Structures are given as C-alpha cells and as structure tokens.
C-alpha cells in the first residue's frame, strides 16, 4: 500500500539480503 518499511544502502554492483522478519516484524 506504499507504507515505507525501511531503506538500505547498497554499494555499486552490490547486493543485500533481508529476512521477512526484519521487514514485517
């Protein structure tokens, strides 16, 4: 619905993995 959850910084050509619990509690 557009509600912000979080913002993560990612290096150029980089990746990040985020677990569902970190997004939805």
PDBML (XML) file of the C-alpha atoms, coordinates in Angstrom:
<?xml version="1.0" encoding="UTF-8" ?>
<PDBx:datablock datablockName="MODEL"
   xmlns:PDBx="http://pdbml.pdb.org/schema/pdbx-v50.xsd"
   xmlns:xsi="http://www.w3.org/2001/XMLSchema-instance"
   xsi:schemaLocation="http://pdbml.pdb.org/schema/pdbx-v50.xsd pdbx-v50.xsd">
   <PDBx:atom_siteCategory>
      <PDBx:atom_site id="1">
         <PDBx:B_iso_or_equiv>0.00</PDBx:B_iso_or_equiv>
         <PDBx:Cartn_x>0.000</PDBx:Cartn_x>
         <PDBx:Cartn_y>0.000</PDBx:Cartn_y>
         <PDBx:Cartn_z>0.000</PDBx:Cartn_z>
         <PDBx:auth_asym_id>A</PDBx:auth_asym_id>
         <PDBx:auth_atom_id>CA</PDBx:auth_atom_id>
         <PDBx:auth_comp_id>UNK</PDBx:auth_comp_id>
         <PDBx:auth_seq_id>1</PDBx:auth_seq_id>
         <PDBx:group_PDB>ATOM</PDBx:group_PDB>
         <PDBx:label_alt_id xsi:nil="true" />
         <PDBx:label_asym_id>A</PDBx:label_asym_id>
         <PDBx:label_atom_id>CA</PDBx:label_atom_id>
         <PDBx:label_comp_id>UNK</PDBx:label_comp_id>
         <PDBx:label_entity_id>1</PDBx:label_entity_id>
         <PDBx:label_seq_id>1</PDBx:label_seq_id>
         <PDBx:occupancy>1.00</PDBx:occupancy>
         <PDBx:pdbx_PDB_model_num>1</PDBx:pdbx_PDB_model_num>
         <PDBx:type_symbol>C</PDBx:type_symbol>
      </PDBx:atom_site>
      <PDBx:atom_site id="2">
         <PDBx:B_iso_or_equiv>0.00</PDBx:B_iso_or_equiv>
         <PDBx:Cartn_x>3.069</PDBx:Cartn_x>
         <PDBx:Cartn_y>2.246</PDBx:Cartn_y>
         <PDBx:Cartn_z>-0.178</PDBx:Cartn_z>
         <PDBx:auth_asym_id>A</PDBx:auth_asym_id>
         <PDBx:auth_atom_id>CA</PDBx:auth_atom_id>
         <PDBx:auth_comp_id>UNK</PDBx:auth_comp_id>
         <PDBx:auth_seq_id>2</PDBx:auth_seq_id>
         <PDBx:group_PDB>ATOM</PDBx:group_PDB>
         <PDBx:label_alt_id xsi:nil="true" />
         <PDBx:label_asym_id>A</PDBx:label_asym_id>
         <PDBx:label_atom_id>CA</PDBx:label_atom_id>
         <PDBx:label_comp_id>UNK</PDBx:label_comp_id>
         <PDBx:label_entity_id>1</PDBx:label_entity_id>
         <PDBx:label_seq_id>2</PDBx:label_seq_id>
         <PDBx:occupancy>1.00</PDBx:occupancy>
         <PDBx:pdbx_PDB_model_num>1</PDBx:pdbx_PDB_model_num>
         <PDBx:type_symbol>C</PDBx:type_symbol>
      </PDBx:atom_site>
      <PDBx:atom_site id="3">
         <PDBx:B_iso_or_equiv>0.00</PDBx:B_iso_or_equiv>
         <PDBx:Cartn_x>3.730</PDBx:Cartn_x>
         <PDBx:Cartn_y>2.372</PDBx:Cartn_y>
         <PDBx:Cartn_z>3.566</PDBx:Cartn_z>
         <PDBx:auth_asym_id>A</PDBx:auth_asym_id>
         <PDBx:auth_atom_id>CA</PDBx:auth_atom_id>
         <PDBx:auth_comp_id>UNK</PDBx:auth_comp_id>
         <PDBx:auth_seq_id>3</PDBx:auth_seq_id>
         <PDBx:group_PDB>ATOM</PDBx:group_PDB>
         <PDBx:label_alt_id xsi:nil="true" />
         <PDBx:label_asym_id>A</PDBx:label_asym_id>
         <PDBx:label_atom_id>CA</PDBx:label_atom_id>
         <PDBx:label_comp_id>UNK</PDBx:label_comp_id>
         <PDBx:label_entity_id>1</PDBx:label_entity_id>
         <PDBx:label_seq_id>3</PDBx:label_seq_id>
         <PDBx:occupancy>1.00</PDBx:occupancy>
         <PDBx:pdbx_PDB_model_num>1</PDBx:pdbx_PDB_model_num>
         <PDBx:type_symbol>C</PDBx:type_symbol>
      </PDBx:atom_site>
      <PDBx:atom_site id="4">
         <PDBx:B_iso_or_equiv>0.00</PDBx:B_iso_or_equiv>
         <PDBx:Cartn_x>7.508</PDBx:Cartn_x>
         <PDBx:Cartn_y>2.727</PDBx:Cartn_y>
         <PDBx:Cartn_z>3.995</PDBx:Cartn_z>
         <PDBx:auth_asym_id>A</PDBx:auth_asym_id>
         <PDBx:auth_atom_id>CA</PDBx:auth_atom_id>
         <PDBx:auth_comp_id>UNK</PDBx:auth_comp_id>
         <PDBx:auth_seq_id>4</PDBx:auth_seq_id>
         <PDBx:group_PDB>ATOM</PDBx:group_PDB>
         <PDBx:label_alt_id xsi:nil="true" />
         <PDBx:label_asym_id>A</PDBx:label_asym_id>
         <PDBx:label_atom_id>CA</PDBx:label_atom_id>
         <PDBx:label_comp_id>UNK</PDBx:label_comp_id>
         <PDBx:label_entity_id>1</PDBx:label_entity_id>
         <PDBx:label_seq_id>4</PDBx:label_seq_id>
         <PDBx:occupancy>1.00</PDBx:occupancy>
         <PDBx:pdbx_PDB_model_num>1</PDBx:pdbx_PDB_model_num>
         <PDBx:type_symbol>C</PDBx:type_symbol>
      </PDBx:atom_site>
      <PDBx:atom_site id="5">
         <PDBx:B_iso_or_equiv>0.00</PDBx:B_iso_or_equiv>
         <PDBx:Cartn_x>9.267</PDBx:Cartn_x>
         <PDBx:Cartn_y>-0.096</PDBx:Cartn_y>
         <PDBx:Cartn_z>5.796</PDBx:Cartn_z>
         <PDBx:auth_asym_id>A</PDBx:auth_asym_id>
         <PDBx:auth_atom_id>CA</PDBx:auth_atom_id>
         <PDBx:auth_comp_id>UNK</PDBx:auth_comp_id>
         <PDBx:auth_seq_id>5</PDBx:auth_seq_id>
         <PDBx:group_PDB>ATOM</PDBx:group_PDB>
         <PDBx:label_alt_id xsi:nil="true" />
         <PDBx:label_asym_id>A</PDBx:label_asym_id>
         <PDBx:label_atom_id>CA</PDBx:label_atom_id>
         <PDBx:label_comp_id>UNK</PDBx:label_comp_id>
         <PDBx:label_entity_id>1</PDBx:label_entity_id>
         <PDBx:label_seq_id>5</PDBx:label_seq_id>
         <PDBx:occupancy>1.00</PDBx:occupancy>
         <PDBx:pdbx_PDB_model_num>1</PDBx:pdbx_PDB_model_num>
         <PDBx:type_symbol>C</PDBx:type_symbol>
      </PDBx:atom_site>
      <PDBx:atom_site id="6">
         <PDBx:B_iso_or_equiv>0.00</PDBx:B_iso_or_equiv>
         <PDBx:Cartn_x>12.970</PDBx:Cartn_x>
         <PDBx:Cartn_y>0.645</PDBx:Cartn_y>
         <PDBx:Cartn_z>5.556</PDBx:Cartn_z>
         <PDBx:auth_asym_id>A</PDBx:auth_asym_id>
         <PDBx:auth_atom_id>CA</PDBx:auth_atom_id>
         <PDBx:auth_comp_id>UNK</PDBx:auth_comp_id>
         <PDBx:auth_seq_id>6</PDBx:auth_seq_id>
         <PDBx:group_PDB>ATOM</PDBx:group_PDB>
         <PDBx:label_alt_id xsi:nil="true" />
         <PDBx:label_asym_id>A</PDBx:label_asym_id>
         <PDBx:label_atom_id>CA</PDBx:label_atom_id>
         <PDBx:label_comp_id>UNK</PDBx:label_comp_id>
         <PDBx:label_entity_id>1</PDBx:label_entity_id>
         <PDBx:label_seq_id>6</PDBx:label_seq_id>
         <PDBx:occupancy>1.00</PDBx:occupancy>
         <PDBx:pdbx_PDB_model_num>1</PDBx:pdbx_PDB_model_num>
         <PDBx:type_symbol>C</PDBx:type_symbol>
      </PDBx:atom_site>
      <PDBx:atom_site id="7">
         <PDBx:B_iso_or_equiv>0.00</PDBx:B_iso_or_equiv>
         <PDBx:Cartn_x>15.740</PDBx:Cartn_x>
         <PDBx:Cartn_y>1.904</PDBx:Cartn_y>
         <PDBx:Cartn_z>3.315</PDBx:Cartn_z>
         <PDBx:auth_asym_id>A</PDBx:auth_asym_id>
         <PDBx:auth_atom_id>CA</PDBx:auth_atom_id>
         <PDBx:auth_comp_id>UNK</PDBx:auth_comp_id>
         <PDBx:auth_seq_id>7</PDBx:auth_seq_id>
         <PDBx:group_PDB>ATOM</PDBx:group_PDB>
         <PDBx:label_alt_id xsi:nil="true" />
         <PDBx:label_asym_id>A</PDBx:label_asym_id>
         <PDBx:label_atom_id>CA</PDBx:label_atom_id>
         <PDBx:label_comp_id>UNK</PDBx:label_comp_id>
         <PDBx:label_entity_id>1</PDBx:label_entity_id>
         <PDBx:label_seq_id>7</PDBx:label_seq_id>
         <PDBx:occupancy>1.00</PDBx:occupancy>
         <PDBx:pdbx_PDB_model_num>1</PDBx:pdbx_PDB_model_num>
         <PDBx:type_symbol>C</PDBx:type_symbol>
      </PDBx:atom_site>
      <PDBx:atom_site id="8">
         <PDBx:B_iso_or_equiv>0.00</PDBx:B_iso_or_equiv>
         <PDBx:Cartn_x>19.030</PDBx:Cartn_x>
         <PDBx:Cartn_y>0.079</PDBx:Cartn_y>
         <PDBx:Cartn_z>2.777</PDBx:Cartn_z>
         <PDBx:auth_asym_id>A</PDBx:auth_asym_id>
         <PDBx:auth_atom_id>CA</PDBx:auth_atom_id>
         <PDBx:auth_comp_id>UNK</PDBx:auth_comp_id>
         <PDBx:auth_seq_id>8</PDBx:auth_seq_id>
         <PDBx:group_PDB>ATOM</PDBx:group_PDB>
         <PDBx:label_alt_id xsi:nil="true" />
         <PDBx:label_asym_id>A</PDBx:label_asym_id>
         <PDBx:label_atom_id>CA</PDBx:label_atom_id>
         <PDBx:label_comp_id>UNK</PDBx:label_comp_id>
         <PDBx:label_entity_id>1</PDBx:label_entity_id>
         <PDBx:label_seq_id>8</PDBx:label_seq_id>
         <PDBx:occupancy>1.00</PDBx:occupancy>
         <PDBx:pdbx_PDB_model_num>1</PDBx:pdbx_PDB_model_num>
         <PDBx:type_symbol>C</PDBx:type_symbol>
      </PDBx:atom_site>
      <PDBx:atom_site id="9">
         <PDBx:B_iso_or_equiv>0.00</PDBx:B_iso_or_equiv>
         <PDBx:Cartn_x>22.232</PDBx:Cartn_x>
         <PDBx:Cartn_y>1.318</PDBx:Cartn_y>
         <PDBx:Cartn_z>1.182</PDBx:Cartn_z>
         <PDBx:auth_asym_id>A</PDBx:auth_asym_id>
         <PDBx:auth_atom_id>CA</PDBx:auth_atom_id>
         <PDBx:auth_comp_id>UNK</PDBx:auth_comp_id>
         <PDBx:auth_seq_id>9</PDBx:auth_seq_id>
         <PDBx:group_PDB>ATOM</PDBx:group_PDB>
         <PDBx:label_alt_id xsi:nil="true" />
         <PDBx:label_asym_id>A</PDBx:label_asym_id>
         <PDBx:label_atom_id>CA</PDBx:label_atom_id>
         <PDBx:label_comp_id>UNK</PDBx:label_comp_id>
         <PDBx:label_entity_id>1</PDBx:label_entity_id>
         <PDBx:label_seq_id>9</PDBx:label_seq_id>
         <PDBx:occupancy>1.00</PDBx:occupancy>
         <PDBx:pdbx_PDB_model_num>1</PDBx:pdbx_PDB_model_num>
         <PDBx:type_symbol>C</PDBx:type_symbol>
      </PDBx:atom_site>
      <PDBx:atom_site id="10">
         <PDBx:B_iso_or_equiv>0.00</PDBx:B_iso_or_equiv>
         <PDBx:Cartn_x>23.791</PDBx:Cartn_x>
         <PDBx:Cartn_y>-0.965</PDBx:Cartn_y>
         <PDBx:Cartn_z>-1.421</PDBx:Cartn_z>
         <PDBx:auth_asym_id>A</PDBx:auth_asym_id>
         <PDBx:auth_atom_id>CA</PDBx:auth_atom_id>
         <PDBx:auth_comp_id>UNK</PDBx:auth_comp_id>
         <PDBx:auth_seq_id>10</PDBx:auth_seq_id>
         <PDBx:group_PDB>ATOM</PDBx:group_PDB>
         <PDBx:label_alt_id xsi:nil="true" />
         <PDBx:label_asym_id>A</PDBx:label_asym_id>
         <PDBx:label_atom_id>CA</PDBx:label_atom_id>
         <PDBx:label_comp_id>UNK</PDBx:label_comp_id>
         <PDBx:label_entity_id>1</PDBx:label_entity_id>
         <PDBx:label_seq_id>10</PDBx:label_seq_id>
         <PDBx:occupancy>1.00</PDBx:occupancy>
         <PDBx:pdbx_PDB_model_num>1</PDBx:pdbx_PDB_model_num>
         <PDBx:type_symbol>C</PDBx:type_symbol>
      </PDBx:atom_site>
      <PDBx:atom_site id="11">
         <PDBx:B_iso_or_equiv>0.00</PDBx:B_iso_or_equiv>
         <PDBx:Cartn_x>27.214</PDBx:Cartn_x>
         <PDBx:Cartn_y>-0.485</PDBx:Cartn_y>
         <PDBx:Cartn_z>-2.964</PDBx:Cartn_z>
         <PDBx:auth_asym_id>A</PDBx:auth_asym_id>
         <PDBx:auth_atom_id>CA</PDBx:auth_atom_id>
         <PDBx:auth_comp_id>UNK</PDBx:auth_comp_id>
         <PDBx:auth_seq_id>11</PDBx:auth_seq_id>
         <PDBx:group_PDB>ATOM</PDBx:group_PDB>
         <PDBx:label_alt_id xsi:nil="true" />
         <PDBx:label_asym_id>A</PDBx:label_asym_id>
         <PDBx:label_atom_id>CA</PDBx:label_atom_id>
         <PDBx:label_comp_id>UNK</PDBx:label_comp_id>
         <PDBx:label_entity_id>1</PDBx:label_entity_id>
         <PDBx:label_seq_id>11</PDBx:label_seq_id>
         <PDBx:occupancy>1.00</PDBx:occupancy>
         <PDBx:pdbx_PDB_model_num>1</PDBx:pdbx_PDB_model_num>
         <PDBx:type_symbol>C</PDBx:type_symbol>
      </PDBx:atom_site>
      <PDBx:atom_site id="12">
         <PDBx:B_iso_or_equiv>0.00</PDBx:B_iso_or_equiv>
         <PDBx:Cartn_x>27.636</PDBx:Cartn_x>
         <PDBx:Cartn_y>-0.232</PDBx:Cartn_y>
         <PDBx:Cartn_z>-6.693</PDBx:Cartn_z>
         <PDBx:auth_asym_id>A</PDBx:auth_asym_id>
         <PDBx:auth_atom_id>CA</PDBx:auth_atom_id>
         <PDBx:auth_comp_id>UNK</PDBx:auth_comp_id>
         <PDBx:auth_seq_id>12</PDBx:auth_seq_id>
         <PDBx:group_PDB>ATOM</PDBx:group_PDB>
         <PDBx:label_alt_id xsi:nil="true" />
         <PDBx:label_asym_id>A</PDBx:label_asym_id>
         <PDBx:label_atom_id>CA</PDBx:label_atom_id>
         <PDBx:label_comp_id>UNK</PDBx:label_comp_id>
         <PDBx:label_entity_id>1</PDBx:label_entity_id>
         <PDBx:label_seq_id>12</PDBx:label_seq_id>
         <PDBx:occupancy>1.00</PDBx:occupancy>
         <PDBx:pdbx_PDB_model_num>1</PDBx:pdbx_PDB_model_num>
         <PDBx:type_symbol>C</PDBx:type_symbol>
      </PDBx:atom_site>
      <PDBx:atom_site id="13">
         <PDBx:B_iso_or_equiv>0.00</PDBx:B_iso_or_equiv>
         <PDBx:Cartn_x>27.223</PDBx:Cartn_x>
         <PDBx:Cartn_y>-3.771</PDBx:Cartn_y>
         <PDBx:Cartn_z>-8.108</PDBx:Cartn_z>
         <PDBx:auth_asym_id>A</PDBx:auth_asym_id>
         <PDBx:auth_atom_id>CA</PDBx:auth_atom_id>
         <PDBx:auth_comp_id>UNK</PDBx:auth_comp_id>
         <PDBx:auth_seq_id>13</PDBx:auth_seq_id>
         <PDBx:group_PDB>ATOM</PDBx:group_PDB>
         <PDBx:label_alt_id xsi:nil="true" />
         <PDBx:label_asym_id>A</PDBx:label_asym_id>
         <PDBx:label_atom_id>CA</PDBx:label_atom_id>
         <PDBx:label_comp_id>UNK</PDBx:label_comp_id>
         <PDBx:label_entity_id>1</PDBx:label_entity_id>
         <PDBx:label_seq_id>13</PDBx:label_seq_id>
         <PDBx:occupancy>1.00</PDBx:occupancy>
         <PDBx:pdbx_PDB_model_num>1</PDBx:pdbx_PDB_model_num>
         <PDBx:type_symbol>C</PDBx:type_symbol>
      </PDBx:atom_site>
      <PDBx:atom_site id="14">
         <PDBx:B_iso_or_equiv>0.00</PDBx:B_iso_or_equiv>
         <PDBx:Cartn_x>26.487</PDBx:Cartn_x>
         <PDBx:Cartn_y>-4.945</PDBx:Cartn_y>
         <PDBx:Cartn_z>-4.568</PDBx:Cartn_z>
         <PDBx:auth_asym_id>A</PDBx:auth_asym_id>
         <PDBx:auth_atom_id>CA</PDBx:auth_atom_id>
         <PDBx:auth_comp_id>UNK</PDBx:auth_comp_id>
         <PDBx:auth_seq_id>14</PDBx:auth_seq_id>
         <PDBx:group_PDB>ATOM</PDBx:group_PDB>
         <PDBx:label_alt_id xsi:nil="true" />
         <PDBx:label_asym_id>A</PDBx:label_asym_id>
         <PDBx:label_atom_id>CA</PDBx:label_atom_id>
         <PDBx:label_comp_id>UNK</PDBx:label_comp_id>
         <PDBx:label_entity_id>1</PDBx:label_entity_id>
         <PDBx:label_seq_id>14</PDBx:label_seq_id>
         <PDBx:occupancy>1.00</PDBx:occupancy>
         <PDBx:pdbx_PDB_model_num>1</PDBx:pdbx_PDB_model_num>
         <PDBx:type_symbol>C</PDBx:type_symbol>
      </PDBx:atom_site>
      <PDBx:atom_site id="15">
         <PDBx:B_iso_or_equiv>0.00</PDBx:B_iso_or_equiv>
         <PDBx:Cartn_x>23.695</PDBx:Cartn_x>
         <PDBx:Cartn_y>-6.976</PDBx:Cartn_y>
         <PDBx:Cartn_z>-3.009</PDBx:Cartn_z>
         <PDBx:auth_asym_id>A</PDBx:auth_asym_id>
         <PDBx:auth_atom_id>CA</PDBx:auth_atom_id>
         <PDBx:auth_comp_id>UNK</PDBx:auth_comp_id>
         <PDBx:auth_seq_id>15</PDBx:auth_seq_id>
         <PDBx:group_PDB>ATOM</PDBx:group_PDB>
         <PDBx:label_alt_id xsi:nil="true" />
         <PDBx:label_asym_id>A</PDBx:label_asym_id>
         <PDBx:label_atom_id>CA</PDBx:label_atom_id>
         <PDBx:label_comp_id>UNK</PDBx:label_comp_id>
         <PDBx:label_entity_id>1</PDBx:label_entity_id>
         <PDBx:label_seq_id>15</PDBx:label_seq_id>
         <PDBx:occupancy>1.00</PDBx:occupancy>
         <PDBx:pdbx_PDB_model_num>1</PDBx:pdbx_PDB_model_num>
         <PDBx:type_symbol>C</PDBx:type_symbol>
      </PDBx:atom_site>
      <PDBx:atom_site id="16">
         <PDBx:B_iso_or_equiv>0.00</PDBx:B_iso_or_equiv>
         <PDBx:Cartn_x>21.896</PDBx:Cartn_x>
         <PDBx:Cartn_y>-7.276</PDBx:Cartn_y>
         <PDBx:Cartn_z>0.286</PDBx:Cartn_z>
         <PDBx:auth_asym_id>A</PDBx:auth_asym_id>
         <PDBx:auth_atom_id>CA</PDBx:auth_atom_id>
         <PDBx:auth_comp_id>UNK</PDBx:auth_comp_id>
         <PDBx:auth_seq_id>16</PDBx:auth_seq_id>
         <PDBx:group_PDB>ATOM</PDBx:group_PDB>
         <PDBx:label_alt_id xsi:nil="true" />
         <PDBx:label_asym_id>A</PDBx:label_asym_id>
         <PDBx:label_atom_id>CA</PDBx:label_atom_id>
         <PDBx:label_comp_id>UNK</PDBx:label_comp_id>
         <PDBx:label_entity_id>1</PDBx:label_entity_id>
         <PDBx:label_seq_id>16</PDBx:label_seq_id>
         <PDBx:occupancy>1.00</PDBx:occupancy>
         <PDBx:pdbx_PDB_model_num>1</PDBx:pdbx_PDB_model_num>
         <PDBx:type_symbol>C</PDBx:type_symbol>
      </PDBx:atom_site>
      <PDBx:atom_site id="17">
         <PDBx:B_iso_or_equiv>0.00</PDBx:B_iso_or_equiv>
         <PDBx:Cartn_x>19.647</PDBx:Cartn_x>
         <PDBx:Cartn_y>-9.980</PDBx:Cartn_y>
         <PDBx:Cartn_z>1.770</PDBx:Cartn_z>
         <PDBx:auth_asym_id>A</PDBx:auth_asym_id>
         <PDBx:auth_atom_id>CA</PDBx:auth_atom_id>
         <PDBx:auth_comp_id>UNK</PDBx:auth_comp_id>
         <PDBx:auth_seq_id>17</PDBx:auth_seq_id>
         <PDBx:group_PDB>ATOM</PDBx:group_PDB>
         <PDBx:label_alt_id xsi:nil="true" />
         <PDBx:label_asym_id>A</PDBx:label_asym_id>
         <PDBx:label_atom_id>CA</PDBx:label_atom_id>
         <PDBx:label_comp_id>UNK</PDBx:label_comp_id>
         <PDBx:label_entity_id>1</PDBx:label_entity_id>
         <PDBx:label_seq_id>17</PDBx:label_seq_id>
         <PDBx:occupancy>1.00</PDBx:occupancy>
         <PDBx:pdbx_PDB_model_num>1</PDBx:pdbx_PDB_model_num>
         <PDBx:type_symbol>C</PDBx:type_symbol>
      </PDBx:atom_site>
      <PDBx:atom_site id="18">
         <PDBx:B_iso_or_equiv>0.00</PDBx:B_iso_or_equiv>
         <PDBx:Cartn_x>16.802</PDBx:Cartn_x>
         <PDBx:Cartn_y>-9.061</PDBx:Cartn_y>
         <PDBx:Cartn_z>4.120</PDBx:Cartn_z>
         <PDBx:auth_asym_id>A</PDBx:auth_asym_id>
         <PDBx:auth_atom_id>CA</PDBx:auth_atom_id>
         <PDBx:auth_comp_id>UNK</PDBx:auth_comp_id>
         <PDBx:auth_seq_id>18</PDBx:auth_seq_id>
         <PDBx:group_PDB>ATOM</PDBx:group_PDB>
         <PDBx:label_alt_id xsi:nil="true" />
         <PDBx:label_asym_id>A</PDBx:label_asym_id>
         <PDBx:label_atom_id>CA</PDBx:label_atom_id>
         <PDBx:label_comp_id>UNK</PDBx:label_comp_id>
         <PDBx:label_entity_id>1</PDBx:label_entity_id>
         <PDBx:label_seq_id>18</PDBx:label_seq_id>
         <PDBx:occupancy>1.00</PDBx:occupancy>
         <PDBx:pdbx_PDB_model_num>1</PDBx:pdbx_PDB_model_num>
         <PDBx:type_symbol>C</PDBx:type_symbol>
      </PDBx:atom_site>
      <PDBx:atom_site id="19">
         <PDBx:B_iso_or_equiv>0.00</PDBx:B_iso_or_equiv>
         <PDBx:Cartn_x>14.725</PDBx:Cartn_x>
         <PDBx:Cartn_y>-11.581</PDBx:Cartn_y>
         <PDBx:Cartn_z>6.066</PDBx:Cartn_z>
         <PDBx:auth_asym_id>A</PDBx:auth_asym_id>
         <PDBx:auth_atom_id>CA</PDBx:auth_atom_id>
         <PDBx:auth_comp_id>UNK</PDBx:auth_comp_id>
         <PDBx:auth_seq_id>19</PDBx:auth_seq_id>
         <PDBx:group_PDB>ATOM</PDBx:group_PDB>
         <PDBx:label_alt_id xsi:nil="true" />
         <PDBx:label_asym_id>A</PDBx:label_asym_id>
         <PDBx:label_atom_id>CA</PDBx:label_atom_id>
         <PDBx:label_comp_id>UNK</PDBx:label_comp_id>
         <PDBx:label_entity_id>1</PDBx:label_entity_id>
         <PDBx:label_seq_id>19</PDBx:label_seq_id>
         <PDBx:occupancy>1.00</PDBx:occupancy>
         <PDBx:pdbx_PDB_model_num>1</PDBx:pdbx_PDB_model_num>
         <PDBx:type_symbol>C</PDBx:type_symbol>
      </PDBx:atom_site>
      <PDBx:atom_site id="20">
         <PDBx:B_iso_or_equiv>0.00</PDBx:B_iso_or_equiv>
         <PDBx:Cartn_x>10.953</PDBx:Cartn_x>
         <PDBx:Cartn_y>-11.255</PDBx:Cartn_y>
         <PDBx:Cartn_z>6.181</PDBx:Cartn_z>
         <PDBx:auth_asym_id>A</PDBx:auth_asym_id>
         <PDBx:auth_atom_id>CA</PDBx:auth_atom_id>
         <PDBx:auth_comp_id>UNK</PDBx:auth_comp_id>
         <PDBx:auth_seq_id>20</PDBx:auth_seq_id>
         <PDBx:group_PDB>ATOM</PDBx:group_PDB>
         <PDBx:label_alt_id xsi:nil="true" />
         <PDBx:label_asym_id>A</PDBx:label_asym_id>
         <PDBx:label_atom_id>CA</PDBx:label_atom_id>
         <PDBx:label_comp_id>UNK</PDBx:label_comp_id>
         <PDBx:label_entity_id>1</PDBx:label_entity_id>
         <PDBx:label_seq_id>20</PDBx:label_seq_id>
         <PDBx:occupancy>1.00</PDBx:occupancy>
         <PDBx:pdbx_PDB_model_num>1</PDBx:pdbx_PDB_model_num>
         <PDBx:type_symbol>C</PDBx:type_symbol>
      </PDBx:atom_site>
      <PDBx:atom_site id="21">
         <PDBx:B_iso_or_equiv>0.00</PDBx:B_iso_or_equiv>
         <PDBx:Cartn_x>11.046</PDBx:Cartn_x>
         <PDBx:Cartn_y>-10.840</PDBx:Cartn_y>
         <PDBx:Cartn_z>9.958</PDBx:Cartn_z>
         <PDBx:auth_asym_id>A</PDBx:auth_asym_id>
         <PDBx:auth_atom_id>CA</PDBx:auth_atom_id>
         <PDBx:auth_comp_id>UNK</PDBx:auth_comp_id>
         <PDBx:auth_seq_id>21</PDBx:auth_seq_id>
         <PDBx:group_PDB>ATOM</PDBx:group_PDB>
         <PDBx:label_alt_id xsi:nil="true" />
         <PDBx:label_asym_id>A</PDBx:label_asym_id>
         <PDBx:label_atom_id>CA</PDBx:label_atom_id>
         <PDBx:label_comp_id>UNK</PDBx:label_comp_id>
         <PDBx:label_entity_id>1</PDBx:label_entity_id>
         <PDBx:label_seq_id>21</PDBx:label_seq_id>
         <PDBx:occupancy>1.00</PDBx:occupancy>
         <PDBx:pdbx_PDB_model_num>1</PDBx:pdbx_PDB_model_num>
         <PDBx:type_symbol>C</PDBx:type_symbol>
      </PDBx:atom_site>
      <PDBx:atom_site id="22">
         <PDBx:B_iso_or_equiv>0.00</PDBx:B_iso_or_equiv>
         <PDBx:Cartn_x>13.173</PDBx:Cartn_x>
         <PDBx:Cartn_y>-7.710</PDBx:Cartn_y>
         <PDBx:Cartn_z>9.538</PDBx:Cartn_z>
         <PDBx:auth_asym_id>A</PDBx:auth_asym_id>
         <PDBx:auth_atom_id>CA</PDBx:auth_atom_id>
         <PDBx:auth_comp_id>UNK</PDBx:auth_comp_id>
         <PDBx:auth_seq_id>22</PDBx:auth_seq_id>
         <PDBx:group_PDB>ATOM</PDBx:group_PDB>
         <PDBx:label_alt_id xsi:nil="true" />
         <PDBx:label_asym_id>A</PDBx:label_asym_id>
         <PDBx:label_atom_id>CA</PDBx:label_atom_id>
         <PDBx:label_comp_id>UNK</PDBx:label_comp_id>
         <PDBx:label_entity_id>1</PDBx:label_entity_id>
         <PDBx:label_seq_id>22</PDBx:label_seq_id>
         <PDBx:occupancy>1.00</PDBx:occupancy>
         <PDBx:pdbx_PDB_model_num>1</PDBx:pdbx_PDB_model_num>
         <PDBx:type_symbol>C</PDBx:type_symbol>
      </PDBx:atom_site>
      <PDBx:atom_site id="23">
         <PDBx:B_iso_or_equiv>0.00</PDBx:B_iso_or_equiv>
         <PDBx:Cartn_x>10.529</PDBx:Cartn_x>
         <PDBx:Cartn_y>-6.294</PDBx:Cartn_y>
         <PDBx:Cartn_z>7.185</PDBx:Cartn_z>
         <PDBx:auth_asym_id>A</PDBx:auth_asym_id>
         <PDBx:auth_atom_id>CA</PDBx:auth_atom_id>
         <PDBx:auth_comp_id>UNK</PDBx:auth_comp_id>
         <PDBx:auth_seq_id>23</PDBx:auth_seq_id>
         <PDBx:group_PDB>ATOM</PDBx:group_PDB>
         <PDBx:label_alt_id xsi:nil="true" />
         <PDBx:label_asym_id>A</PDBx:label_asym_id>
         <PDBx:label_atom_id>CA</PDBx:label_atom_id>
         <PDBx:label_comp_id>UNK</PDBx:label_comp_id>
         <PDBx:label_entity_id>1</PDBx:label_entity_id>
         <PDBx:label_seq_id>23</PDBx:label_seq_id>
         <PDBx:occupancy>1.00</PDBx:occupancy>
         <PDBx:pdbx_PDB_model_num>1</PDBx:pdbx_PDB_model_num>
         <PDBx:type_symbol>C</PDBx:type_symbol>
      </PDBx:atom_site>
      <PDBx:atom_site id="24">
         <PDBx:B_iso_or_equiv>0.00</PDBx:B_iso_or_equiv>
         <PDBx:Cartn_x>7.269</PDBx:Cartn_x>
         <PDBx:Cartn_y>-7.340</PDBx:Cartn_y>
         <PDBx:Cartn_z>8.842</PDBx:Cartn_z>
         <PDBx:auth_asym_id>A</PDBx:auth_asym_id>
         <PDBx:auth_atom_id>CA</PDBx:auth_atom_id>
         <PDBx:auth_comp_id>UNK</PDBx:auth_comp_id>
         <PDBx:auth_seq_id>24</PDBx:auth_seq_id>
         <PDBx:group_PDB>ATOM</PDBx:group_PDB>
         <PDBx:label_alt_id xsi:nil="true" />
         <PDBx:label_asym_id>A</PDBx:label_asym_id>
         <PDBx:label_atom_id>CA</PDBx:label_atom_id>
         <PDBx:label_comp_id>UNK</PDBx:label_comp_id>
         <PDBx:label_entity_id>1</PDBx:label_entity_id>
         <PDBx:label_seq_id>24</PDBx:label_seq_id>
         <PDBx:occupancy>1.00</PDBx:occupancy>
         <PDBx:pdbx_PDB_model_num>1</PDBx:pdbx_PDB_model_num>
         <PDBx:type_symbol>C</PDBx:type_symbol>
      </PDBx:atom_site>
      <PDBx:atom_site id="25">
         <PDBx:B_iso_or_equiv>0.00</PDBx:B_iso_or_equiv>
         <PDBx:Cartn_x>8.267</PDBx:Cartn_x>
         <PDBx:Cartn_y>-7.939</PDBx:Cartn_y>
         <PDBx:Cartn_z>12.466</PDBx:Cartn_z>
         <PDBx:auth_asym_id>A</PDBx:auth_asym_id>
         <PDBx:auth_atom_id>CA</PDBx:auth_atom_id>
         <PDBx:auth_comp_id>UNK</PDBx:auth_comp_id>
         <PDBx:auth_seq_id>25</PDBx:auth_seq_id>
         <PDBx:group_PDB>ATOM</PDBx:group_PDB>
         <PDBx:label_alt_id xsi:nil="true" />
         <PDBx:label_asym_id>A</PDBx:label_asym_id>
         <PDBx:label_atom_id>CA</PDBx:label_atom_id>
         <PDBx:label_comp_id>UNK</PDBx:label_comp_id>
         <PDBx:label_entity_id>1</PDBx:label_entity_id>
         <PDBx:label_seq_id>25</PDBx:label_seq_id>
         <PDBx:occupancy>1.00</PDBx:occupancy>
         <PDBx:pdbx_PDB_model_num>1</PDBx:pdbx_PDB_model_num>
         <PDBx:type_symbol>C</PDBx:type_symbol>
      </PDBx:atom_site>
   </PDBx:atom_siteCategory>
</PDBx:datablock>
